[in-house]
C-alpha atoms as a PDB file:
ATOM      1  CA  MET A   1     105.675  71.574  63.894  1.00  0.00           C
ATOM      2  CA  PHE A   2     102.916  72.659  66.237  1.00  0.00           C
ATOM      3  CA  PRO A   3      99.420  73.565  64.390  1.00  0.00           C
ATOM      4  CA  LEU A   4      98.108  76.886  65.183  1.00  0.00           C
ATOM      5  CA  TYR A   5      94.889  77.036  63.165  1.00  0.00           C
ATOM      6  CA  ASP A   6      93.527  75.646  59.737  1.00  0.00           C
ATOM      7  CA  LEU A   7      92.473  77.504  56.421  1.00  0.00           C
ATOM      8  CA  ASN A   8      89.179  75.557  56.695  1.00  0.00           C
ATOM      9  CA  ARG A   9      85.992  77.645  57.819  1.00  0.00           C
ATOM     10  CA  ALA A  10      83.574  75.086  59.619  1.00  0.00           C
ATOM     11  CA  HIS A  11      80.053  75.862  58.496  1.00  0.00           C
ATOM     12  CA  ARG A  12      78.186  74.822  62.089  1.00  0.00           C
ATOM     13  CA  PRO A  13      79.334  74.928  65.732  1.00  0.00           C
ATOM     14  CA  ALA A  14      81.498  72.102  66.939  1.00  0.00           C
ATOM     15  CA  TYR A  15      79.084  71.218  69.867  1.00  0.00           C
ATOM     16  CA  VAL A  16      80.996  67.906  70.460  1.00  0.00           C
ATOM     17  CA  VAL A  17      84.208  69.014  70.213  1.00  0.00           C
ATOM     18  CA  ARG A  18      83.682  71.396  72.894  1.00  0.00           C
ATOM     19  CA  GLY A  19      81.682  68.886  75.021  1.00  0.00           C
ATOM     20  CA  LEU A  20      84.610  66.603  74.846  1.00  0.00           C
ATOM     21  CA  VAL A  21      87.059  69.501  75.725  1.00  0.00           C
ATOM     22  CA  LEU A  22      85.237  70.118  78.768  1.00  0.00           C
ATOM     23  CA  ALA A  23      84.808  66.405  79.539  1.00  0.00           C
ATOM     24  CA  ASN A  24      88.308  65.780  79.574  1.00  0.00           C
ATOM     25  CA  ALA A  25      89.263  69.131  81.424  1.00  0.00           C
ATOM     26  CA  LEU A  26      86.664  68.197  84.063  1.00  0.00           C
ATOM     27  CA  ALA A  27      88.287  64.318  84.278  1.00  0.00           C
ATOM     28  CA  PHE A  28      91.691  65.621  84.859  1.00  0.00           C
ATOM     29  CA  PHE A  29      90.692  67.859  87.837  1.00  0.00           C
ATOM     30  CA  TRP A  30      88.874  65.142  89.233  1.00  0.00           C
ATOM     31  CA  GLU A  31      91.752  62.729  88.320  1.00  0.00           C
ATOM     32  CA  LEU A  32      94.090  65.312  90.285  1.00  0.00           C
ATOM     33  CA  LEU A  33      91.793  65.664  93.448  1.00  0.00           C
ATOM     34  CA  ALA A  34      90.831  61.467  93.508  1.00  0.00           C
ATOM     35  CA  GLY A  35      94.607  61.185  93.372  1.00  0.00           C
ATOM     36  CA  PRO A  36      96.093  60.202  89.860  1.00  0.00           C
ATOM     37  CA  GLU A  37      97.959  57.120  90.679  1.00  0.00           C
ATOM     38  CA  GLU A  38      94.970  55.254  91.948  1.00  0.00           C
ATOM     39  CA  VAL A  39      92.346  56.611  89.176  1.00  0.00           C
ATOM     40  CA  VAL A  40      95.095  55.433  86.586  1.00  0.00           C
ATOM     41  CA  ARG A  41      94.973  52.078  88.225  1.00  0.00           C
ATOM     42  CA  ALA A  42      91.777  51.558  88.274  1.00  0.00           C
ATOM     43  CA  LEU A  43      90.620  53.223  84.803  1.00  0.00           C
ATOM     44  CA  GLY A  44      93.445  53.313  82.639  1.00  0.00           C
ATOM     45  CA  PHE A  45      93.811  50.853  79.750  1.00  0.00           C
ATOM     46  CA  VAL A  46      96.197  47.653  81.181  1.00  0.00           C
ATOM     47  CA  PRO A  47      96.660  45.307  77.823  1.00  0.00           C
ATOM     48  CA  ALA A  48      97.438  42.186  79.817  1.00  0.00           C
ATOM     49  CA  LEU A  49      94.600  42.498  81.968  1.00  0.00           C
ATOM     50  CA  PHE A  50      92.378  43.195  79.034  1.00  0.00           C
ATOM     51  CA  PHE A  51      93.504  40.169  77.095  1.00  0.00           C
ATOM     52  CA  GLN A  52      93.162  38.071  80.136  1.00  0.00           C
ATOM     53  CA  ASP A  53      89.244  39.100  80.828  1.00  0.00           C
ATOM     54  CA  PRO A  54      88.063  41.244  77.406  1.00  0.00           C
ATOM     55  CA  VAL A  55      84.832  41.302  78.951  1.00  0.00           C
ATOM     56  CA  GLY A  56      85.465  42.208  82.401  1.00  0.00           C
ATOM     57  CA  GLN A  57      88.014  44.863  81.567  1.00  0.00           C
ATOM     58  CA  GLY A  58      86.558  46.255  78.547  1.00  0.00           C
ATOM     59  CA  TYR A  59      85.301  49.335  80.198  1.00  0.00           C
ATOM     60  CA  ARG A  60      89.141  50.702  80.750  1.00  0.00           C
ATOM     61  CA  LEU A  61      89.108  51.104  76.850  1.00  0.00           C
ATOM     62  CA  LEU A  62      86.459  54.095  77.503  1.00  0.00           C
ATOM     63  CA  THR A  63      87.955  55.067  80.628  1.00  0.00           C
ATOM     64  CA  SER A  64      91.583  55.594  79.828  1.00  0.00           C
ATOM     65  CA  MET A  65      90.622  57.996  76.840  1.00  0.00           C
ATOM     66  CA  PHE A  66      89.455  60.653  79.442  1.00  0.00           C
ATOM     67  CA  LEU A  67      92.432  60.543  81.496  1.00  0.00           C
ATOM     68  CA  HIS A  68      96.033  62.367  81.177  1.00  0.00           C
ATOM     69  CA  GLY A  69      99.443  62.243  82.738  1.00  0.00           C
ATOM     70  CA  GLY A  70      99.595  65.791  83.139  1.00  0.00           C
ATOM     71  CA  TRP A  71      98.938  69.421  82.303  1.00  0.00           C
ATOM     72  CA  PHE A  72     100.951  69.412  78.633  1.00  0.00           C
ATOM     73  CA  HIS A  73      99.731  66.226  77.876  1.00  0.00           C
ATOM     74  CA  LEU A  74      95.904  67.288  78.614  1.00  0.00           C
ATOM     75  CA  LEU A  75      96.616  70.448  76.574  1.00  0.00           C
ATOM     76  CA  SER A  76      98.136  69.328  73.420  1.00  0.00           C
ATOM     77  CA  ASN A  77      95.654  66.626  73.067  1.00  0.00           C
ATOM     78  CA  MET A  78      92.575  69.044  73.493  1.00  0.00           C
ATOM     79  CA  TRP A  79      94.522  71.797  71.086  1.00  0.00           C
ATOM     80  CA  PHE A  80      94.959  69.032  68.327  1.00  0.00           C
ATOM     81  CA  LEU A  81      91.304  68.117  68.817  1.00  0.00           C
ATOM     82  CA  TRP A  82      90.254  72.227  68.801  1.00  0.00           C
ATOM     83  CA  VAL A  83      92.201  72.512  65.396  1.00  0.00           C
ATOM     84  CA  PHE A  84      91.132  69.743  63.389  1.00  0.00           C
ATOM     85  CA  GLY A  85      87.878  68.637  65.363  1.00  0.00           C
ATOM     86  CA  ASP A  86      85.198  71.156  64.245  1.00  0.00           C
ATOM     87  CA  ASN A  87      85.687  70.207  60.188  1.00  0.00           C
ATOM     88  CA  VAL A  88      85.486  66.848  61.074  1.00  0.00           C
ATOM     89  CA  GLU A  89      82.362  67.341  63.344  1.00  0.00           C
ATOM     90  CA  ASP A  90      80.574  69.838  60.436  1.00  0.00           C
ATOM     91  CA  ARG A  91      81.169  66.840  57.731  1.00  0.00           C
ATOM     92  CA  MET A  92      79.995  63.876  59.831  1.00  0.00           C
ATOM     93  CA  GLY A  93      77.252  65.579  61.989  1.00  0.00           C
ATOM     94  CA  HIS A  94      77.061  65.854  65.778  1.00  0.00           C
ATOM     95  CA  GLY A  95      76.275  62.283  66.534  1.00  0.00           C
ATOM     96  CA  ARG A  96      78.204  60.479  64.139  1.00  0.00           C
ATOM     97  CA  PHE A  97      81.262  62.323  64.931  1.00  0.00           C
ATOM     98  CA  LEU A  98      81.027  61.294  68.757  1.00  0.00           C
ATOM     99  CA  LEU A  99      80.559  57.613  67.682  1.00  0.00           C
ATOM    100  CA  PHE A 100      83.778  58.333  65.470  1.00  0.00           C
ATOM    101  CA  TYR A 101      85.433  59.788  68.241  1.00  0.00           C
ATOM    102  CA  LEU A 102      85.094  56.989  70.557  1.00  0.00           C
ATOM    103  CA  LEU A 103      85.521  53.798  68.394  1.00  0.00           C
ATOM    104  CA  GLY A 104      88.899  55.690  67.135  1.00  0.00           C
ATOM    105  CA  GLY A 105      90.026  55.812  70.818  1.00  0.00           C
ATOM    106  CA  VAL A 106      88.797  52.051  71.319  1.00  0.00           C
ATOM    107  CA  ALA A 107      90.636  51.071  68.142  1.00  0.00           C
ATOM    108  CA  ALA A 108      93.635  53.278  69.030  1.00  0.00           C
ATOM    109  CA  ALA A 109      94.060  51.367  72.440  1.00  0.00           C
ATOM    110  CA  LEU A 110      93.648  47.777  70.692  1.00  0.00           C
ATOM    111  CA  ALA A 111      96.223  48.636  68.409  1.00  0.00           C
ATOM    112  CA  GLN A 112      98.708  49.335  71.291  1.00  0.00           C
ATOM    113  CA  GLY A 113      97.456  46.202  72.979  1.00  0.00           C
ATOM    114  CA  LEU A 114      98.392  43.889  70.196  1.00  0.00           C
ATOM    115  CA  PHE A 115     101.797  45.462  69.991  1.00  0.00           C
ATOM    116  CA  MET A 116     102.599  45.023  73.848  1.00  0.00           C
ATOM    117  CA  PRO A 117      99.781  42.317  74.563  1.00  0.00           C
ATOM    118  CA  SER A 118     101.870  41.349  77.952  1.00  0.00           C
ATOM    119  CA  SER A 119     102.237  44.824  79.341  1.00  0.00           C
ATOM    120  CA  PHE A 120     100.913  45.427  82.874  1.00  0.00           C
ATOM    121  CA  THR A 121     101.609  49.433  82.216  1.00  0.00           C
ATOM    122  CA  PRO A 122      98.283  51.665  82.386  1.00  0.00           C
ATOM    123  CA  MET A 123      97.932  53.594  78.813  1.00  0.00           C
ATOM    124  CA  ILE A 124      95.681  56.846  79.370  1.00  0.00           C
ATOM    125  CA  GLY A 125      94.937  60.040  77.362  1.00  0.00           C
ATOM    126  CA  ALA A 126      92.936  60.836  74.406  1.00  0.00           C
ATOM    127  CA  SER A 127      95.535  61.109  71.828  1.00  0.00           C
ATOM    128  CA  GLY A 128      94.245  57.794  70.220  1.00  0.00           C
ATOM    129  CA  ALA A 129      91.053  59.032  69.841  1.00  0.00           C
ATOM    130  CA  VAL A 130      92.482  62.399  68.612  1.00  0.00           C
ATOM    131  CA  SER A 131      94.726  60.718  66.108  1.00  0.00           C
ATOM    132  CA  ALA A 132      91.431  59.127  64.656  1.00  0.00           C
ATOM    133  CA  VAL A 133      90.079  62.713  64.224  1.00  0.00           C
ATOM    134  CA  LEU A 134      93.374  63.676  62.426  1.00  0.00           C
ATOM    135  CA  GLY A 135      93.292  60.927  60.234  1.00  0.00           C
ATOM    136  CA  GLY A 136      89.826  61.562  59.351  1.00  0.00           C
ATOM    137  CA  TYR A 137      90.690  65.306  58.518  1.00  0.00           C
ATOM    138  CA  TYR A 138      93.641  63.727  56.407  1.00  0.00           C
ATOM    139  CA  ALA A 139      90.798  61.546  54.215  1.00  0.00           C
ATOM    140  CA  LEU A 140      88.240  64.546  54.071  1.00  0.00           C
ATOM    141  CA  PHE A 141      90.166  67.797  54.018  1.00  0.00           C
ATOM    142  CA  PRO A 142      93.536  66.822  52.295  1.00  0.00           C
ATOM    143  CA  ARG A 143      93.817  70.117  50.427  1.00  0.00           C
ATOM    144  CA  ALA A 144      93.318  72.340  53.359  1.00  0.00           C
ATOM    145  CA  TYR A 145      95.963  74.392  54.769  1.00  0.00           C
ATOM    146  CA  VAL A 146      97.197  74.108  58.452  1.00  0.00           C
ATOM    147  CA  VAL A 147      98.970  77.430  59.930  1.00  0.00           C
ATOM    148  CA  SER A 148     101.943  75.898  62.308  1.00  0.00           C
ATOM    149  CA  VAL A 149     104.850  77.262  64.220  1.00  0.00           C
ATOM    150  CA  VAL A 150     108.294  75.767  64.137  1.00  0.00           C
ATOM    151  CA  LEU A 151     110.898  77.081  66.848  1.00  0.00           C
ATOM    152  CA  PHE A 152     114.086  77.732  66.081  1.00  0.00           C
ATOM    153  CA  ILE A 153     116.270  80.647  67.337  1.00  0.00           C
ATOM    154  CA  PHE A 154     112.850  82.572  66.831  1.00  0.00           C
ATOM    155  CA  PRO A 155     109.121  81.336  65.586  1.00  0.00           C
ATOM    156  CA  LEU A 156     108.577  80.514  62.402  1.00  0.00           C
ATOM    157  CA  PHE A 157     105.304  80.471  60.715  1.00  0.00           C
ATOM    158  CA  LEU A 158     104.720  77.623  57.671  1.00  0.00           C
ATOM    159  CA  THR A 159     101.573  76.604  55.836  1.00  0.00           C
ATOM    160  CA  PHE A 160     101.399  73.376  54.684  1.00  0.00           C
ATOM    161  CA  PRO A 161      98.547  71.401  53.017  1.00  0.00           C
ATOM    162  CA  ALA A 162      96.791  69.124  55.470  1.00  0.00           C
ATOM    163  CA  ALA A 163      97.832  65.921  53.624  1.00  0.00           C
ATOM    164  CA  VAL A 164     101.146  67.072  53.881  1.00  0.00           C
ATOM    165  CA  TYR A 165     101.273  67.778  57.227  1.00  0.00           C
ATOM    166  CA  LEU A 166      99.269  65.195  58.719  1.00  0.00           C
ATOM    167  CA  GLY A 167     101.114  62.644  56.497  1.00  0.00           C
ATOM    168  CA  TYR A 168     104.549  63.996  58.029  1.00  0.00           C
ATOM    169  CA  TRP A 169     102.622  63.357  61.357  1.00  0.00           C
ATOM    170  CA  ALA A 170     101.940  59.893  61.075  1.00  0.00           C
ATOM    171  CA  LEU A 171     105.189  59.050  59.302  1.00  0.00           C
ATOM    172  CA  LEU A 172     106.658  60.229  62.727  1.00  0.00           C
ATOM    173  CA  GLN A 173     104.470  58.308  64.793  1.00  0.00           C
ATOM    174  CA  LEU A 174     105.449  55.072  62.722  1.00  0.00           C
ATOM    175  CA  LEU A 175     109.152  55.766  62.983  1.00  0.00           C
ATOM    176  CA  GLN A 176     109.278  56.567  66.859  1.00  0.00           C
ATOM    177  CA  GLY A 177     107.108  53.139  67.425  1.00  0.00           C
ATOM    178  CA  LEU A 178     109.660  51.223  64.915  1.00  0.00           C
ATOM    179  CA  LEU A 179     112.449  52.637  67.390  1.00  0.00           C
ATOM    180  CA  GLY A 180     110.527  51.759  70.349  1.00  0.00           C
ATOM    181  CA  LEU A 181     110.786  55.378  71.961  1.00  0.00           C
ATOM    182  CA  PRO A 182     109.382  54.826  75.805  1.00  0.00           C
ATOM    183  CA  GLY A 183     106.532  57.027  77.391  1.00  0.00           C
ATOM    184  CA  VAL A 184     104.392  57.432  74.520  1.00  0.00           C
ATOM    185  CA  ALA A 185     101.898  54.877  72.835  1.00  0.00           C
ATOM    186  CA  TRP A 186     103.234  55.382  69.476  1.00  0.00           C
ATOM    187  CA  TRP A 187     101.095  52.322  68.029  1.00  0.00           C
ATOM    188  CA  ALA A 188      98.051  53.822  69.394  1.00  0.00           C
ATOM    189  CA  HIS A 189      98.402  57.106  67.726  1.00  0.00           C
ATOM    190  CA  LEU A 190      99.172  55.067  64.370  1.00  0.00           C
ATOM    191  CA  GLY A 191      96.105  52.733  64.678  1.00  0.00           C
ATOM    192  CA  GLY A 192      93.993  55.673  65.639  1.00  0.00           C
ATOM    193  CA  PHE A 193      95.141  57.613  62.648  1.00  0.00           C
ATOM    194  CA  LEU A 194      94.230  54.566  60.055  1.00  0.00           C
ATOM    195  CA  PHE A 195      91.143  54.122  61.635  1.00  0.00           C
ATOM    196  CA  GLY A 196      90.126  57.841  60.934  1.00  0.00           C
ATOM    197  CA  ALA A 197      91.656  57.766  57.465  1.00  0.00           C
ATOM    198  CA  LEU A 198      89.980  54.820  56.591  1.00  0.00           C
ATOM    199  CA  LEU A 199      86.452  55.197  58.153  1.00  0.00           C
ATOM    200  CA  ALA A 200      85.776  58.867  57.940  1.00  0.00           C
ATOM    201  CA  PRO A 201      84.279  58.666  54.306  1.00  0.00           C
ATOM    202  CA  ARG A 202      81.738  56.413  55.535  1.00  0.00           C
ATOM    203  CA  PHE A 203      80.836  58.230  58.545  1.00  0.00           C
ATOM    204  CA  ALA A 204      80.786  61.523  56.385  1.00  0.00           C
ATOM    205  CA  ARG A 205      77.743  60.365  54.122  1.00  0.00           C
ATOM    206  CA  ARG A 206      75.634  63.385  53.388  1.00  0.00           C
ATOM    207  CA  TRP A 207      72.544  61.858  52.948  1.00  0.00           C
ATOM    208  CA  ARG A 208      72.027  61.490  56.676  1.00  0.00           C
ATOM    209  CA  ARG A 209      73.068  63.743  59.556  1.00  0.00           C
ATOM    210  CA  TRP A 210      72.235  63.348  63.088  1.00  0.00           C
END
């Protein structure tokens, strides 16, 4: 099921979401021009290197979340951010949302690293940070509705409460992680989601906006 849009109007423009989409797009074009393999080796998160030298390799926790492995990787991450991020930013305020997004990406990378501490395979992508946004939406807007499309012989459009749709999404990440399916950082997705679901209410306190 792929989300098309939510039935949950934000009250303020999502400047940070727009900025993050632009930053990821620009980083991807730079990655293509500079040479994807070289960039991923230099800036991707490598668990084994990080745990050997957390201080010296810590920058990779941030740089890795702005790199992507291809057009579909980039566009799918940015679409999920676009669909769910505006409401979360609206509740948190711009500055708090940016901090939440970046910390969520760091937490997601560390979660994946804890499950694969000896791996020398670089991990890249915004999906961990975006998963934190999904977790935040799950916690803050469980009764909002999400319109999604399922492709069978013809497109089927379905509407679900956010708690159902995102809960199902998180369950899929858990099952695929337990199965050890290769090629995707399932534990980063789940770690980011849990970070977002647990901490979003604290970031969304209404007595202070910045």
